[in-house]
Amino acid sequence: MRLEPYDFLNYPIKEQIQMLYKEGSFIVSIRYYGYKINLFLLEDFYIEVFYNHKLDKIEKIEQLDFAHSRMKFYNDQISLPSLAS
């Protein structure tokens, strides 16, 4: 059964993290304001993990928004195929 981004994002954050590290592929990390954002590919969608260094914790996990200005930071490092649906 195919995992949908909506379903993944409704899991508790601990389950999301475990799934990303076990089943996802790390793509790249960027610095964005106070965050280190790790980008993962999980099945056929991209997930961003926002890590706050000052608080030493993951603050949020979101699906990559291809329209966000943050894409410039990714595009400076890698080329991402637009899988936005």
C-alpha atoms as a PDB file:
ATOM      1  CA  MET A   1       0.000   0.000   0.000  1.00  0.00           C
ATOM      2  CA  ARG A   2       1.389   3.380  -1.026  1.00  0.00           C
ATOM      3  CA  LEU A   3       2.056   5.901   1.717  1.00  0.00           C
ATOM      4  CA  GLU A   4       0.485   9.300   1.082  1.00  0.00           C
ATOM      5  CA  PRO A   5       2.094  12.519   2.368  1.00  0.00           C
ATOM      6  CA  TYR A   6      -1.094  13.401   4.240  1.00  0.00           C
ATOM      7  CA  ASP A   7      -1.010  10.107   6.135  1.00  0.00           C
ATOM      8  CA  PHE A   8       2.694  10.411   6.925  1.00  0.00           C
ATOM      9  CA  LEU A   9       2.266  13.951   8.256  1.00  0.00           C
ATOM     10  CA  ASN A  10      -0.512  12.796  10.592  1.00  0.00           C
ATOM     11  CA  TYR A  11       1.732  10.254  12.331  1.00  0.00           C
ATOM     12  CA  PRO A  12       3.259  11.298  15.673  1.00  0.00           C
ATOM     13  CA  ILE A  13       6.603  13.070  15.170  1.00  0.00           C
ATOM     14  CA  LYS A  14       8.569  10.154  16.688  1.00  0.00           C
ATOM     15  CA  GLU A  15       7.078   7.765  14.133  1.00  0.00           C
ATOM     16  CA  GLN A  16       7.792  10.232  11.328  1.00  0.00           C
ATOM     17  CA  ILE A  17      11.442  10.471  12.359  1.00  0.00           C
ATOM     18  CA  GLN A  18      11.833   6.701  12.613  1.00  0.00           C
ATOM     19  CA  MET A  19      10.253   6.185   9.210  1.00  0.00           C
ATOM     20  CA  LEU A  20      12.434   8.848   7.574  1.00  0.00           C
ATOM     21  CA  TYR A  21      15.648   7.393   8.955  1.00  0.00           C
ATOM     22  CA  LYS A  22      14.705   3.771   8.208  1.00  0.00           C
ATOM     23  CA  GLU A  23      12.883   4.081   4.890  1.00  0.00           C
ATOM     24  CA  GLY A  24      13.709   7.535   3.554  1.00  0.00           C
ATOM     25  CA  SER A  25      16.729   8.727   1.620  1.00  0.00           C
ATOM     26  CA  PHE A  26      18.631  11.753   2.899  1.00  0.00           C
ATOM     27  CA  ILE A  27      19.098  14.243   0.058  1.00  0.00           C
ATOM     28  CA  VAL A  28      20.739  17.403   1.417  1.00  0.00           C
ATOM     29  CA  SER A  29      20.681  19.842   4.317  1.00  0.00           C
ATOM     30  CA  ILE A  30      20.446  23.611   4.210  1.00  0.00           C
ATOM     31  CA  ARG A  31      20.640  26.389   6.758  1.00  0.00           C
ATOM     32  CA  TYR A  32      17.550  28.564   6.859  1.00  0.00           C
ATOM     33  CA  TYR A  33      17.230  31.247   9.493  1.00  0.00           C
ATOM     34  CA  GLY A  34      17.613  29.446  12.846  1.00  0.00           C
ATOM     35  CA  TYR A  35      17.162  26.005  11.372  1.00  0.00           C
ATOM     36  CA  LYS A  36      19.163  23.253   9.815  1.00  0.00           C
ATOM     37  CA  ILE A  37      16.698  21.661   7.418  1.00  0.00           C
ATOM     38  CA  ASN A  38      17.318  18.088   6.333  1.00  0.00           C
ATOM     39  CA  LEU A  39      15.580  17.085   3.132  1.00  0.00           C
ATOM     40  CA  PHE A  40      14.511  13.461   2.675  1.00  0.00           C
ATOM     41  CA  LEU A  41      12.846  11.558  -0.126  1.00  0.00           C
ATOM     42  CA  LEU A  42      10.252   9.141   1.240  1.00  0.00           C
ATOM     43  CA  GLU A  43       8.657   6.959  -1.423  1.00  0.00           C
ATOM     44  CA  ASP A  44       7.896   9.640  -4.036  1.00  0.00           C
ATOM     45  CA  PHE A  45       7.578  12.799  -1.949  1.00  0.00           C
ATOM     46  CA  TYR A  46      10.064  15.128  -0.269  1.00  0.00           C
ATOM     47  CA  ILE A  47       9.984  15.845   3.455  1.00  0.00           C
ATOM     48  CA  GLU A  48      11.767  18.650   5.315  1.00  0.00           C
ATOM     49  CA  VAL A  49      12.910  18.154   8.910  1.00  0.00           C
ATOM     50  CA  PHE A  50      13.446  21.452  10.763  1.00  0.00           C
ATOM     51  CA  TYR A  51      16.112  21.147  13.442  1.00  0.00           C
ATOM     52  CA  ASN A  52      16.625  24.047  15.870  1.00  0.00           C
ATOM     53  CA  HIS A  53      20.231  24.076  17.098  1.00  0.00           C
ATOM     54  CA  LYS A  54      19.577  26.451  19.980  1.00  0.00           C
ATOM     55  CA  LEU A  55      16.837  24.235  21.389  1.00  0.00           C
ATOM     56  CA  ASP A  56      18.556  21.008  20.250  1.00  0.00           C
ATOM     57  CA  LYS A  57      15.325  19.586  18.900  1.00  0.00           C
ATOM     58  CA  ILE A  58      13.338  18.872  15.795  1.00  0.00           C
ATOM     59  CA  GLU A  59      10.618  21.494  15.753  1.00  0.00           C
ATOM     60  CA  LYS A  60       8.588  20.415  12.765  1.00  0.00           C
ATOM     61  CA  ILE A  61       8.367  18.099   9.794  1.00  0.00           C
ATOM     62  CA  GLU A  62       6.675  19.234   6.593  1.00  0.00           C
ATOM     63  CA  GLN A  63       6.216  18.199   2.999  1.00  0.00           C
ATOM     64  CA  LEU A  64       8.468  20.196   0.684  1.00  0.00           C
ATOM     65  CA  ASP A  65       6.670  23.176  -0.862  1.00  0.00           C
ATOM     66  CA  PHE A  66       8.124  23.607  -4.349  1.00  0.00           C
ATOM     67  CA  ALA A  67       6.728  27.169  -4.490  1.00  0.00           C
ATOM     68  CA  HIS A  68       8.465  28.351  -1.292  1.00  0.00           C
ATOM     69  CA  SER A  69      11.345  30.817  -1.513  1.00  0.00           C
ATOM     70  CA  ARG A  70      13.447  28.229   0.367  1.00  0.00           C
ATOM     71  CA  MET A  71      13.739  26.308  -2.913  1.00  0.00           C
ATOM     72  CA  LYS A  72      16.522  28.717  -3.934  1.00  0.00           C
ATOM     73  CA  PHE A  73      18.711  27.268  -1.182  1.00  0.00           C
ATOM     74  CA  TYR A  74      18.107  23.734  -2.437  1.00  0.00           C
ATOM     75  CA  ASN A  75      18.596  24.700  -6.071  1.00  0.00           C
ATOM     76  CA  ASP A  76      21.975  26.255  -5.201  1.00  0.00           C
ATOM     77  CA  GLN A  77      23.150  22.770  -4.132  1.00  0.00           C
ATOM     78  CA  ILE A  78      21.188  20.190  -6.094  1.00  0.00           C
ATOM     79  CA  SER A  79      18.642  19.802  -8.850  1.00  0.00           C
ATOM     80  CA  LEU A  80      15.291  18.474  -7.683  1.00  0.00           C
ATOM     81  CA  PRO A  81      12.764  17.063 -10.105  1.00  0.00           C
ATOM     82  CA  SER A  82       9.405  18.674  -9.596  1.00  0.00           C
ATOM     83  CA  LEU A  83       7.302  15.899  -8.132  1.00  0.00           C
ATOM     84  CA  ALA A  84       4.757  18.327  -6.758  1.00  0.00           C
ATOM     85  CA  SER A  85       1.286  17.043  -7.365  1.00  0.00           C
END
